Protein backbone atom coordinates (compact mmCIF):
# COMPACT_ATOMS: atom_id res chain seq x y z
CA MET A 1 -106.89 -39.97 -196.10
CA GLU A 2 -106.06 -36.45 -194.98
CA ASN A 3 -108.56 -35.20 -192.40
CA LYS A 4 -110.56 -32.75 -194.50
CA THR A 5 -114.23 -32.19 -195.11
CA ILE A 6 -115.74 -33.79 -198.24
CA TYR A 7 -119.49 -33.61 -198.54
CA ALA A 8 -122.56 -32.95 -200.63
CA ASP A 9 -125.83 -31.09 -200.14
CA HIS A 10 -129.24 -31.71 -201.68
CA GLY A 11 -129.34 -29.48 -204.75
CA ASP A 12 -132.70 -28.15 -205.95
CA GLU A 13 -131.84 -24.71 -204.55
CA TYR A 14 -133.33 -22.74 -207.45
CA LYS A 15 -136.89 -21.55 -206.82
CA GLY A 16 -137.99 -20.28 -210.23
CA GLU A 17 -139.89 -22.08 -213.01
CA LEU A 18 -137.89 -24.78 -214.77
CA LEU A 19 -138.25 -26.96 -217.83
CA ALA A 20 -136.22 -29.69 -216.13
CA ASN A 21 -134.64 -30.09 -212.70
CA PHE A 22 -131.72 -32.54 -212.69
CA SER A 23 -130.22 -31.15 -209.48
CA SER A 24 -132.25 -33.01 -206.85
CA ASN A 25 -132.20 -36.73 -206.13
CA VAL A 26 -135.89 -37.04 -205.19
CA TRP A 27 -138.10 -39.43 -207.21
CA PHE A 28 -139.58 -37.18 -209.88
CA GLY A 29 -142.51 -39.36 -210.92
CA ALA A 30 -144.42 -39.61 -207.64
CA ASN A 31 -148.20 -39.23 -207.96
CA HIS A 32 -149.50 -37.52 -204.83
CA ASP A 33 -153.20 -37.35 -205.68
CA GLY A 34 -154.13 -40.01 -203.14
CA LEU A 35 -151.95 -38.46 -200.43
CA TYR A 36 -153.40 -35.00 -201.09
CA ALA A 37 -156.95 -36.32 -200.72
CA TYR A 38 -156.04 -38.30 -197.59
CA LEU A 39 -154.44 -35.29 -195.89
CA THR A 40 -157.26 -32.96 -196.91
CA ASP A 41 -159.76 -35.23 -195.17
CA ARG A 42 -157.64 -34.99 -192.02
CA MET A 43 -157.33 -31.22 -191.97
CA PRO A 44 -159.40 -30.92 -188.73
CA LEU A 45 -156.64 -32.81 -186.87
CA ILE A 46 -154.44 -29.70 -186.90
CA ARG A 47 -156.64 -28.35 -184.08
CA ARG A 48 -155.07 -30.90 -181.74
CA TYR A 49 -151.53 -31.79 -180.75
CA PRO A 50 -150.05 -34.95 -182.25
CA GLU A 51 -149.00 -37.67 -179.85
CA GLU A 52 -145.95 -36.55 -177.90
CA TYR A 53 -143.74 -39.39 -179.18
CA ASN A 54 -146.10 -40.98 -181.75
CA LEU A 55 -146.47 -44.35 -180.02
CA ALA A 56 -149.47 -45.43 -182.09
CA LEU A 57 -147.71 -44.80 -185.38
CA LYS A 58 -144.52 -46.42 -184.09
CA CYS A 59 -146.48 -49.59 -183.44
CA GLU A 60 -147.89 -49.52 -186.98
CA LEU A 61 -144.51 -48.86 -188.54
CA ALA A 62 -142.82 -51.50 -186.37
CA ALA A 63 -145.28 -54.13 -187.60
CA HIS A 64 -144.58 -53.01 -191.18
CA LEU A 65 -140.81 -53.38 -190.61
CA HIS A 66 -141.06 -56.58 -188.49
CA LEU A 67 -139.58 -54.81 -185.49
CA LEU A 68 -140.69 -53.92 -181.97
CA ALA A 69 -141.97 -50.41 -181.31
CA ASP A 70 -139.16 -49.76 -178.82
CA GLN A 71 -136.62 -50.35 -181.58
CA LEU A 72 -137.87 -47.28 -183.46
CA LEU A 73 -137.77 -43.50 -183.25
CA LEU A 74 -139.77 -41.32 -185.64
CA THR A 75 -137.95 -38.17 -186.70
CA ASN A 76 -138.56 -34.90 -188.49
CA GLY A 77 -136.75 -36.16 -191.58
CA SER A 78 -133.47 -38.07 -191.47
CA ALA A 79 -131.65 -34.81 -190.66
CA GLU A 80 -133.18 -34.76 -187.16
CA GLY A 81 -132.06 -38.35 -186.76
CA ILE A 82 -128.51 -37.44 -187.72
CA TYR A 83 -128.36 -34.65 -185.15
CA LEU A 84 -129.97 -36.81 -182.45
CA LEU A 85 -127.32 -39.48 -182.97
CA ALA A 86 -124.46 -36.98 -182.89
CA GLN A 87 -125.88 -35.49 -179.69
CA ALA A 88 -126.45 -38.86 -178.01
CA TYR A 89 -122.79 -39.74 -178.64
CA ARG A 90 -121.45 -36.26 -177.98
CA GLY A 91 -117.67 -35.92 -177.77
CA ARG A 92 -116.96 -39.28 -179.39
CA LYS A 93 -114.72 -40.10 -182.34
CA SER A 94 -116.50 -40.31 -185.71
CA LEU A 95 -115.30 -41.62 -189.07
CA ILE A 96 -117.34 -40.42 -192.05
CA VAL A 97 -117.22 -42.16 -195.43
CA GLY A 98 -117.21 -39.47 -198.10
CA PRO A 99 -117.80 -37.61 -200.26
CA THR A 100 -121.27 -37.55 -198.74
CA PHE A 101 -124.14 -35.57 -197.22
CA SER A 102 -122.83 -32.56 -195.29
CA GLU A 103 -125.06 -32.96 -192.25
CA TYR A 104 -123.11 -35.92 -190.86
CA GLY A 105 -120.04 -33.76 -190.49
CA LYS A 106 -121.93 -30.68 -189.31
CA ALA A 107 -123.84 -32.63 -186.66
CA CYS A 108 -120.64 -34.22 -185.39
CA GLN A 109 -118.77 -30.92 -185.27
CA VAL A 110 -121.41 -29.04 -183.28
CA ASN A 111 -121.47 -31.94 -180.82
CA ASP A 112 -117.71 -31.89 -180.28
CA HIS A 113 -116.84 -35.11 -182.07
CA GLN A 114 -113.32 -35.77 -183.23
CA VAL A 115 -114.06 -36.22 -186.93
CA PHE A 116 -112.07 -38.14 -189.54
CA TYR A 117 -112.93 -38.70 -193.19
CA THR A 118 -112.24 -41.62 -195.47
CA ASP A 119 -113.36 -42.93 -198.83
CA ALA A 120 -114.96 -46.34 -199.35
CA GLN A 121 -111.75 -47.96 -200.61
CA LEU A 122 -109.76 -46.95 -197.50
CA LEU A 123 -112.53 -47.56 -194.97
CA GLU A 124 -111.08 -50.69 -193.38
CA ASN A 125 -107.61 -49.15 -193.11
CA ASN A 126 -109.04 -46.05 -191.43
CA LEU A 127 -111.10 -48.16 -189.04
CA ILE A 128 -107.87 -49.78 -187.91
CA GLN A 129 -105.92 -46.51 -187.81
CA HIS A 130 -108.46 -44.28 -186.02
CA THR A 131 -110.47 -46.82 -183.94
CA PRO A 132 -113.61 -44.63 -184.14
CA ASP A 133 -116.59 -44.90 -181.83
CA LEU A 134 -118.96 -44.24 -184.74
CA VAL A 135 -118.83 -44.80 -188.50
CA TRP A 136 -121.25 -42.91 -190.76
CA ILE A 137 -122.04 -44.63 -194.06
CA CYS A 138 -124.63 -43.60 -196.64
CA THR A 139 -125.50 -46.56 -198.88
CA PRO A 140 -126.31 -46.03 -201.66
CA ASN A 141 -124.33 -42.85 -201.25
CA ASN A 142 -125.15 -39.27 -202.14
CA PRO A 143 -123.65 -37.79 -204.36
CA ASP A 144 -121.92 -40.58 -206.31
CA GLY A 145 -124.50 -43.38 -206.09
CA PHE A 146 -121.92 -45.83 -204.69
CA SER A 147 -123.46 -48.87 -202.99
CA PHE A 148 -121.55 -51.00 -200.52
CA GLU A 149 -121.75 -54.76 -200.94
CA LEU A 150 -123.70 -56.25 -198.04
CA PRO A 151 -121.16 -59.03 -197.27
CA LEU A 152 -118.45 -56.38 -196.83
CA LEU A 153 -120.62 -54.41 -194.41
CA GLU A 154 -121.38 -57.57 -192.46
CA LYS A 155 -117.69 -58.36 -192.25
CA LEU A 156 -116.79 -54.88 -190.99
CA VAL A 157 -119.61 -54.80 -188.44
CA GLN A 158 -118.45 -58.14 -187.03
CA GLN A 159 -114.74 -57.34 -187.18
CA PHE A 160 -115.08 -53.94 -185.45
CA SER A 161 -117.65 -54.91 -182.84
CA ASN A 162 -116.72 -52.03 -180.51
CA THR A 163 -117.62 -49.47 -183.18
CA ILE A 164 -121.20 -48.39 -183.86
CA PHE A 165 -122.03 -48.38 -187.57
CA ILE A 166 -124.65 -45.85 -188.67
CA PHE A 167 -126.09 -46.74 -192.07
CA ASP A 168 -128.18 -44.10 -193.83
CA THR A 169 -130.28 -46.14 -196.27
CA SER A 170 -132.52 -43.32 -197.47
CA PHE A 171 -131.79 -44.29 -201.09
CA LYS A 172 -132.19 -48.05 -200.60
CA GLU A 173 -134.98 -48.28 -203.20
CA TYR A 174 -132.75 -46.57 -205.77
CA CYS A 175 -130.57 -49.61 -206.47
CA LEU A 176 -130.90 -53.34 -207.12
CA GLU A 177 -128.23 -54.34 -204.59
CA LYS A 178 -129.47 -55.52 -201.20
CA GLN A 179 -129.02 -52.93 -198.44
CA PRO A 180 -128.96 -53.23 -194.62
CA GLU A 181 -132.51 -53.83 -193.36
CA SER A 182 -134.19 -54.67 -190.07
CA ASP A 183 -132.57 -58.14 -189.93
CA PHE A 184 -129.22 -56.35 -189.54
CA ILE A 185 -130.49 -55.04 -186.20
CA SER A 186 -131.26 -58.47 -184.81
CA GLN A 187 -127.94 -59.91 -186.02
CA HIS A 188 -125.64 -57.07 -184.92
CA GLY A 189 -125.87 -55.04 -181.73
CA ASN A 190 -123.62 -52.26 -183.04
CA VAL A 191 -125.79 -51.11 -185.96
CA ILE A 192 -128.08 -48.09 -186.30
CA LEU A 193 -130.17 -47.56 -189.43
CA LEU A 194 -131.50 -44.23 -190.70
CA TYR A 195 -134.22 -43.77 -193.30
CA SER A 196 -136.02 -40.84 -194.91
CA PHE A 197 -139.30 -40.98 -196.81
CA THR A 198 -138.27 -37.85 -198.75
CA LYS A 199 -136.51 -39.50 -201.67
CA ARG A 200 -138.50 -42.55 -202.68
CA TYR A 201 -141.88 -40.86 -202.16
CA GLY A 202 -140.99 -37.43 -203.56
CA ILE A 203 -142.07 -35.45 -200.48
CA PRO A 204 -139.14 -33.32 -199.26
CA GLY A 205 -141.58 -30.75 -197.83
CA LEU A 206 -143.03 -33.32 -195.43
CA ARG A 207 -140.20 -34.04 -193.00
CA MET A 208 -140.52 -37.76 -192.34
CA GLY A 209 -137.90 -40.27 -191.24
CA TYR A 210 -136.98 -42.79 -188.60
CA ILE A 211 -134.10 -44.43 -186.73
CA TYR A 212 -134.11 -48.12 -185.89
CA SER A 213 -131.69 -50.12 -183.79
CA SER A 214 -131.49 -52.25 -180.66
CA LYS A 215 -133.78 -51.39 -177.75
CA SER A 216 -130.87 -50.21 -175.59
CA ILE A 217 -129.52 -47.85 -178.26
CA ILE A 218 -132.97 -46.44 -179.03
CA ARG A 219 -133.62 -45.93 -175.32
CA ASN A 220 -130.46 -43.84 -175.07
CA ILE A 221 -131.26 -41.75 -178.17
CA HIS A 222 -134.87 -41.23 -177.04
CA SER A 223 -133.69 -39.25 -174.01
CA TYR A 224 -132.55 -36.52 -176.44
CA CYS A 225 -135.77 -36.40 -178.47
CA VAL A 226 -137.82 -33.21 -178.66
CA PRO A 227 -141.51 -33.90 -177.95
CA TRP A 228 -143.99 -33.30 -180.80
CA SER A 229 -141.14 -33.01 -183.33
CA VAL A 230 -143.18 -34.91 -185.95
CA ASN A 231 -146.23 -32.86 -186.89
CA THR A 232 -149.75 -34.14 -187.51
CA PHE A 233 -149.58 -34.03 -191.31
CA ALA A 234 -146.28 -35.92 -191.31
CA VAL A 235 -147.77 -38.53 -188.96
CA GLU A 236 -150.80 -38.99 -191.19
CA ALA A 237 -148.64 -39.10 -194.32
CA PHE A 238 -146.48 -41.78 -192.67
CA ARG A 239 -149.63 -43.77 -191.96
CA TYR A 240 -150.88 -43.43 -195.53
CA LEU A 241 -147.59 -44.40 -197.14
CA ILE A 242 -147.04 -47.56 -195.11
CA THR A 243 -150.61 -48.84 -195.52
CA ASN A 244 -152.29 -47.50 -198.67
CA HIS A 245 -149.69 -46.18 -201.04
CA ARG A 246 -149.37 -47.62 -204.55
CA ASP A 247 -147.52 -46.06 -207.48
CA ASP A 248 -145.62 -46.91 -210.63
CA PHE A 249 -142.12 -46.64 -209.13
CA ASN A 250 -140.01 -49.16 -211.06
CA ILE A 251 -136.32 -49.09 -210.26
CA SER A 252 -135.34 -51.49 -213.05
CA GLU A 253 -136.89 -49.24 -215.70
CA TRP A 254 -135.42 -46.13 -214.10
CA LEU A 255 -131.94 -47.65 -214.02
CA GLU A 256 -132.24 -48.73 -217.65
CA GLU A 257 -133.07 -45.15 -218.62
CA LYS A 258 -130.08 -44.00 -216.51
CA ARG A 259 -127.83 -46.39 -218.44
CA LYS A 260 -128.95 -44.93 -221.78
CA PHE A 261 -128.70 -41.37 -220.45
CA ALA A 262 -125.18 -41.85 -219.07
CA GLU A 263 -123.98 -43.56 -222.26
CA SER A 264 -125.33 -40.69 -224.37
CA ILE A 265 -123.48 -38.18 -222.19
CA ASN A 266 -120.24 -40.11 -222.73
CA TYR A 267 -120.57 -39.60 -226.48
CA ILE A 268 -120.36 -35.82 -225.99
CA ASP A 269 -116.82 -34.53 -226.03
CA GLY A 270 -115.79 -33.06 -222.67
CA PHE A 271 -118.13 -35.12 -220.46
CA GLN A 272 -117.52 -38.42 -218.64
CA SER A 273 -120.27 -40.16 -216.65
CA LEU A 274 -118.99 -41.95 -213.55
CA ASP A 275 -120.21 -45.35 -212.35
CA SER A 276 -123.25 -45.34 -210.08
CA SER A 277 -125.68 -47.95 -208.77
CA THR A 278 -128.50 -45.38 -208.65
CA PRO A 279 -130.42 -43.16 -211.11
CA PHE A 280 -128.36 -40.18 -209.95
CA PHE A 281 -124.71 -40.01 -210.96
CA LEU A 282 -121.71 -37.75 -211.26
CA VAL A 283 -120.35 -36.41 -214.53
CA LYS A 284 -116.75 -35.24 -214.81
CA ILE A 285 -116.29 -32.20 -217.05
CA THR A 286 -112.99 -32.20 -218.91
CA LYS A 287 -113.56 -28.90 -220.72
CA GLY A 288 -114.78 -25.76 -218.97
CA LYS A 289 -116.11 -25.23 -215.45
CA SER A 290 -119.18 -26.71 -213.80
CA ALA A 291 -120.30 -23.33 -212.41
CA ASP A 292 -120.27 -21.84 -215.91
CA LEU A 293 -122.19 -24.82 -217.30
CA LYS A 294 -124.78 -24.46 -214.56
CA GLN A 295 -125.35 -20.81 -215.44
CA PHE A 296 -125.51 -21.62 -219.16
CA LEU A 297 -128.22 -24.22 -218.52
CA LEU A 298 -130.16 -21.98 -216.14
CA GLN A 299 -130.57 -19.54 -219.02
CA LYS A 300 -132.39 -22.43 -220.73
CA SER A 301 -134.49 -23.12 -217.58
CA ILE A 302 -132.58 -26.31 -216.82
CA LEU A 303 -131.06 -26.88 -213.36
CA ILE A 304 -128.12 -29.19 -212.60
CA ARG A 305 -126.06 -29.70 -209.44
CA ASP A 306 -122.60 -28.15 -209.44
CA ALA A 307 -120.70 -30.98 -207.74
CA SER A 308 -117.13 -29.71 -207.89
CA GLY A 309 -117.17 -28.85 -204.18
CA PHE A 310 -117.72 -32.49 -203.30
CA PHE A 311 -114.11 -33.32 -204.09
CA GLN A 312 -110.66 -31.93 -203.37
CA ASP A 313 -108.99 -33.09 -206.60
CA GLY A 314 -109.41 -29.83 -208.53
CA ASN A 315 -111.56 -31.45 -211.21
CA GLN A 316 -114.97 -30.22 -212.34
CA TYR A 317 -118.10 -32.31 -211.70
CA ILE A 318 -121.87 -32.09 -211.97
CA ARG A 319 -124.48 -34.40 -210.45
CA LEU A 320 -127.51 -35.41 -212.49
CA LEU A 321 -130.73 -37.22 -211.70
CA THR A 322 -132.18 -39.28 -214.53
CA LEU A 323 -135.54 -37.83 -215.54
CA SER A 324 -137.95 -38.78 -218.33
CA PRO A 325 -136.51 -39.62 -221.76
CA GLU A 326 -137.87 -36.33 -223.14
CA LYS A 327 -136.22 -34.21 -220.46
CA ASN A 328 -133.01 -36.19 -220.67
CA ARG A 329 -132.84 -35.49 -224.41
CA LEU A 330 -133.41 -31.81 -223.66
CA LEU A 331 -130.29 -31.75 -221.50
CA LEU A 332 -128.26 -33.78 -223.99
CA ASN A 333 -129.06 -31.26 -226.71
CA GLU A 334 -127.95 -28.38 -224.51
CA LEU A 335 -124.72 -30.15 -223.55
CA GLN A 336 -124.00 -30.45 -227.25
CA GLN A 337 -124.57 -26.70 -227.58
CA TRP A 338 -122.26 -26.01 -224.63
CA LYS A 339 -119.54 -28.15 -226.19
CA SER A 340 -119.70 -26.29 -229.47
CA GLN A 341 -119.30 -22.84 -227.89
């Protein structure tokens, strides 16, 4: 693939009141009542510094993940993890599987990486052609919801043993397919996993994530860590979510609603839903422009993600997150109105 940037951002950039927000890919049904109460009780802790590198919480999380504490780094969201990794391997050669989250490319560029881009279908060919030091893979991927098959990832990791594979699995709960987990670390010494609590738990304002890998890789990355980067509330929220949290998150039900939603969109002339293993998915617009559709819907207090910039093919796309049946019908009705203009 030609060496050009293909990426996606988060969405959810509109700050006004909305009837429905389809632009983000954060779990919309999270109930935070228990977390609010838990954090309120711990308000006095803000008078003290958190642990410099959060050893106590690392031990708790490591037990939860069946890892050792020195195989983990807690981060201020997965974004800090991305930049730490790019810094730790400064000046190396990176291959990024896109279209995907923009911060992989940005972090690599500011740390003087030689950056190449590929799509999932050409990944193996580009591994052979470019012999990268690092490969960045989001699975399931943002924005298209594509999920790599685990046997293929295992094959590539073994075949290209001199390359470090960075798997961002922040959406791992959003699909039914098995994703790389902690057992990948013990089986393969060239694997780094990233995770963010933002999506599954619906808490983008609490920057919470972690990196896990072999002890030697984590030791190297740790030397670039900023002390106290994870604040007290994030630490306590981490602790709550890995020990006490219960909710009604049900990926099978969510994906079934996505199936119905996507099928209904396909019945509307001018719209084509693309395959996705997650509740968020891309829609190709065959009539009109995505930017105009976004503005039309904003007038109805509905926000979508203009996704045309994710691709270089000149086509028009939007990204949607499946919401409740009622809100999904609201959007479907407005898409019908847009079509009839």
